[in-house]
Amino acid sequence: MNPETAPQEITTLVGREVYTKNGVFVGEVEDLRLDLNVEQVTGLALHQINAELFGPDVSGSRGVIVPYRWVQAVGDIVIVNDVVERVHGDEGDEEEVAA
């Protein structure tokens, strides 16, 4: 099996830093949200959140859950769509980020 296409254990995501595709630090993966019915990761629970991105709504011990569909790439780090646009945009996606 090709190592690049081999499935990875989902626990390898825990502890990885998350950045936007523009290189802005978002947070660190603390846990995963799973849909056991379809055996699929549906979200990344982040902690050590970049306060500049999320403002006063997320502070202290609170974190956010980023929908897994925002993930663009996984390697040594996780790359996601531009979270600032998603959180502060007018598209109604604000519901997607849970604290």
C-alpha atoms as a PDB file:
ATOM      1  CA  MET A   1       0.000   0.000   0.000  1.00  0.00           C
ATOM      2  CA  ASN A   2       1.286   3.458  -0.919  1.00  0.00           C
ATOM      3  CA  PRO A   3       2.137   5.362   2.314  1.00  0.00           C
ATOM      4  CA  GLU A   4       0.692   8.574   0.854  1.00  0.00           C
ATOM      5  CA  THR A   5      -2.726   6.999   0.286  1.00  0.00           C
ATOM      6  CA  ALA A   6      -2.727   4.701   3.317  1.00  0.00           C
ATOM      7  CA  PRO A   7      -5.385   5.564   5.901  1.00  0.00           C
ATOM      8  CA  GLN A   8      -4.084   7.315   9.011  1.00  0.00           C
ATOM      9  CA  GLU A   9      -5.281   6.762  12.533  1.00  0.00           C
ATOM     10  CA  ILE A  10      -7.502   9.663  13.473  1.00  0.00           C
ATOM     11  CA  THR A  11      -5.674  10.047  16.761  1.00  0.00           C
ATOM     12  CA  THR A  12      -2.661  11.308  14.798  1.00  0.00           C
ATOM     13  CA  LEU A  13      -4.585  14.565  14.266  1.00  0.00           C
ATOM     14  CA  VAL A  14      -4.670  15.335  17.998  1.00  0.00           C
ATOM     15  CA  GLY A  15      -1.984  17.843  18.916  1.00  0.00           C
ATOM     16  CA  ARG A  16      -1.454  19.150  15.395  1.00  0.00           C
ATOM     17  CA  GLU A  17      -1.473  22.881  14.853  1.00  0.00           C
ATOM     18  CA  VAL A  18      -4.163  24.297  12.577  1.00  0.00           C
ATOM     19  CA  TYR A  19      -3.489  27.165  10.174  1.00  0.00           C
ATOM     20  CA  THR A  20      -5.574  28.926   7.539  1.00  0.00           C
ATOM     21  CA  LYS A  21      -4.543  28.527   3.935  1.00  0.00           C
ATOM     22  CA  ASN A  22      -3.130  32.060   4.290  1.00  0.00           C
ATOM     23  CA  GLY A  23      -0.762  30.940   7.072  1.00  0.00           C
ATOM     24  CA  VAL A  24      -2.638  32.356  10.082  1.00  0.00           C
ATOM     25  CA  PHE A  25      -2.528  30.193  13.231  1.00  0.00           C
ATOM     26  CA  VAL A  26      -6.046  29.092  14.270  1.00  0.00           C
ATOM     27  CA  GLY A  27      -5.485  26.678  17.167  1.00  0.00           C
ATOM     28  CA  GLU A  28      -4.439  23.152  18.058  1.00  0.00           C
ATOM     29  CA  VAL A  29      -6.484  19.972  17.595  1.00  0.00           C
ATOM     30  CA  GLU A  30      -7.629  18.730  20.998  1.00  0.00           C
ATOM     31  CA  ASP A  31     -10.282  16.226  19.949  1.00  0.00           C
ATOM     32  CA  LEU A  32     -12.383  15.087  17.004  1.00  0.00           C
ATOM     33  CA  ARG A  33     -16.102  15.040  16.333  1.00  0.00           C
ATOM     34  CA  LEU A  34     -17.181  11.765  14.740  1.00  0.00           C
ATOM     35  CA  ASP A  35     -20.331  10.569  13.010  1.00  0.00           C
ATOM     36  CA  LEU A  36     -20.313   6.905  13.972  1.00  0.00           C
ATOM     37  CA  ASN A  37     -23.180   6.056  11.613  1.00  0.00           C
ATOM     38  CA  VAL A  38     -21.050   6.823   8.566  1.00  0.00           C
ATOM     39  CA  GLU A  39     -17.671   6.306  10.284  1.00  0.00           C
ATOM     40  CA  GLN A  40     -16.482   9.779   9.348  1.00  0.00           C
ATOM     41  CA  VAL A  41     -14.758  12.723  11.041  1.00  0.00           C
ATOM     42  CA  THR A  42     -17.151  15.689  10.998  1.00  0.00           C
ATOM     43  CA  GLY A  43     -15.226  18.269  13.003  1.00  0.00           C
ATOM     44  CA  LEU A  44     -12.018  19.233  14.745  1.00  0.00           C
ATOM     45  CA  ALA A  45     -12.266  20.458  18.339  1.00  0.00           C
ATOM     46  CA  LEU A  46      -9.599  23.132  18.742  1.00  0.00           C
ATOM     47  CA  HIS A  47      -8.064  24.657  21.853  1.00  0.00           C
ATOM     48  CA  GLN A  48      -5.287  27.228  22.336  1.00  0.00           C
ATOM     49  CA  ILE A  49      -7.362  29.384  19.998  1.00  0.00           C
ATOM     50  CA  ASN A  50      -5.947  32.460  18.276  1.00  0.00           C
ATOM     51  CA  ALA A  51      -7.856  35.195  20.149  1.00  0.00           C
ATOM     52  CA  GLU A  52      -7.331  37.650  17.292  1.00  0.00           C
ATOM     53  CA  LEU A  53      -9.459  35.454  15.026  1.00  0.00           C
ATOM     54  CA  PHE A  54     -12.333  34.701  17.365  1.00  0.00           C
ATOM     55  CA  GLY A  55     -12.365  37.756  19.627  1.00  0.00           C
ATOM     56  CA  PRO A  56     -14.059  37.877  23.015  1.00  0.00           C
ATOM     57  CA  ASP A  57     -16.632  35.216  22.081  1.00  0.00           C
ATOM     58  CA  VAL A  58     -14.046  32.488  22.619  1.00  0.00           C
ATOM     59  CA  SER A  59     -11.729  32.939  25.560  1.00  0.00           C
ATOM     60  CA  GLY A  60     -10.267  31.154  28.529  1.00  0.00           C
ATOM     61  CA  SER A  61     -10.905  27.425  28.520  1.00  0.00           C
ATOM     62  CA  ARG A  62     -13.413  27.552  25.660  1.00  0.00           C
ATOM     63  CA  GLY A  63     -12.554  26.237  22.240  1.00  0.00           C
ATOM     64  CA  VAL A  64     -14.210  25.897  18.864  1.00  0.00           C
ATOM     65  CA  ILE A  65     -15.255  23.059  16.607  1.00  0.00           C
ATOM     66  CA  VAL A  66     -14.261  23.573  13.001  1.00  0.00           C
ATOM     67  CA  PRO A  67     -16.288  21.564  10.470  1.00  0.00           C
ATOM     68  CA  TYR A  68     -14.062  18.957   8.847  1.00  0.00           C
ATOM     69  CA  ARG A  69     -15.262  20.027   5.405  1.00  0.00           C
ATOM     70  CA  TRP A  70     -13.189  23.204   5.932  1.00  0.00           C
ATOM     71  CA  VAL A  71     -10.004  21.088   6.066  1.00  0.00           C
ATOM     72  CA  GLN A  72      -7.938  21.541   2.918  1.00  0.00           C
ATOM     73  CA  ALA A  73      -4.873  19.446   3.791  1.00  0.00           C
ATOM     74  CA  VAL A  74      -3.443  17.313   6.591  1.00  0.00           C
ATOM     75  CA  GLY A  75       0.280  16.778   7.056  1.00  0.00           C
ATOM     76  CA  ASP A  76       2.581  17.950   9.823  1.00  0.00           C
ATOM     77  CA  ILE A  77      -0.044  20.678  10.294  1.00  0.00           C
ATOM     78  CA  VAL A  78      -3.703  20.984   9.332  1.00  0.00           C
ATOM     79  CA  ILE A  79      -4.689  23.607   6.748  1.00  0.00           C
ATOM     80  CA  VAL A  80      -8.264  24.951   6.777  1.00  0.00           C
ATOM     81  CA  ASN A  81     -10.227  27.506   4.780  1.00  0.00           C
ATOM     82  CA  ASP A  82      -9.905  31.084   5.919  1.00  0.00           C
ATOM     83  CA  VAL A  83     -11.681  30.909   9.284  1.00  0.00           C
ATOM     84  CA  VAL A  84     -11.945  34.682   9.675  1.00  0.00           C
ATOM     85  CA  GLU A  85     -14.218  34.899   6.637  1.00  0.00           C
ATOM     86  CA  ARG A  86     -16.335  32.037   7.954  1.00  0.00           C
ATOM     87  CA  VAL A  87     -16.710  33.428  11.458  1.00  0.00           C
ATOM     88  CA  HIS A  88     -17.248  37.062  10.566  1.00  0.00           C
ATOM     89  CA  GLY A  89     -18.748  36.704   7.080  1.00  0.00           C
ATOM     90  CA  ASP A  90     -22.288  37.531   6.040  1.00  0.00           C
ATOM     91  CA  GLU A  91     -22.921  34.039   4.682  1.00  0.00           C
ATOM     92  CA  GLY A  92     -24.680  32.765   7.800  1.00  0.00           C
ATOM     93  CA  ASP A  93     -21.865  30.284   8.492  1.00  0.00           C
ATOM     94  CA  GLU A  94     -21.416  31.705  11.976  1.00  0.00           C
ATOM     95  CA  GLU A  95     -23.477  28.792  13.277  1.00  0.00           C
ATOM     96  CA  GLU A  96     -20.802  26.401  12.021  1.00  0.00           C
ATOM     97  CA  VAL A  97     -18.264  27.415  14.659  1.00  0.00           C
ATOM     98  CA  ALA A  98     -19.395  26.123  18.032  1.00  0.00           C
ATOM     99  CA  ALA A  99     -17.823  27.199  21.281  1.00  0.00           C
END
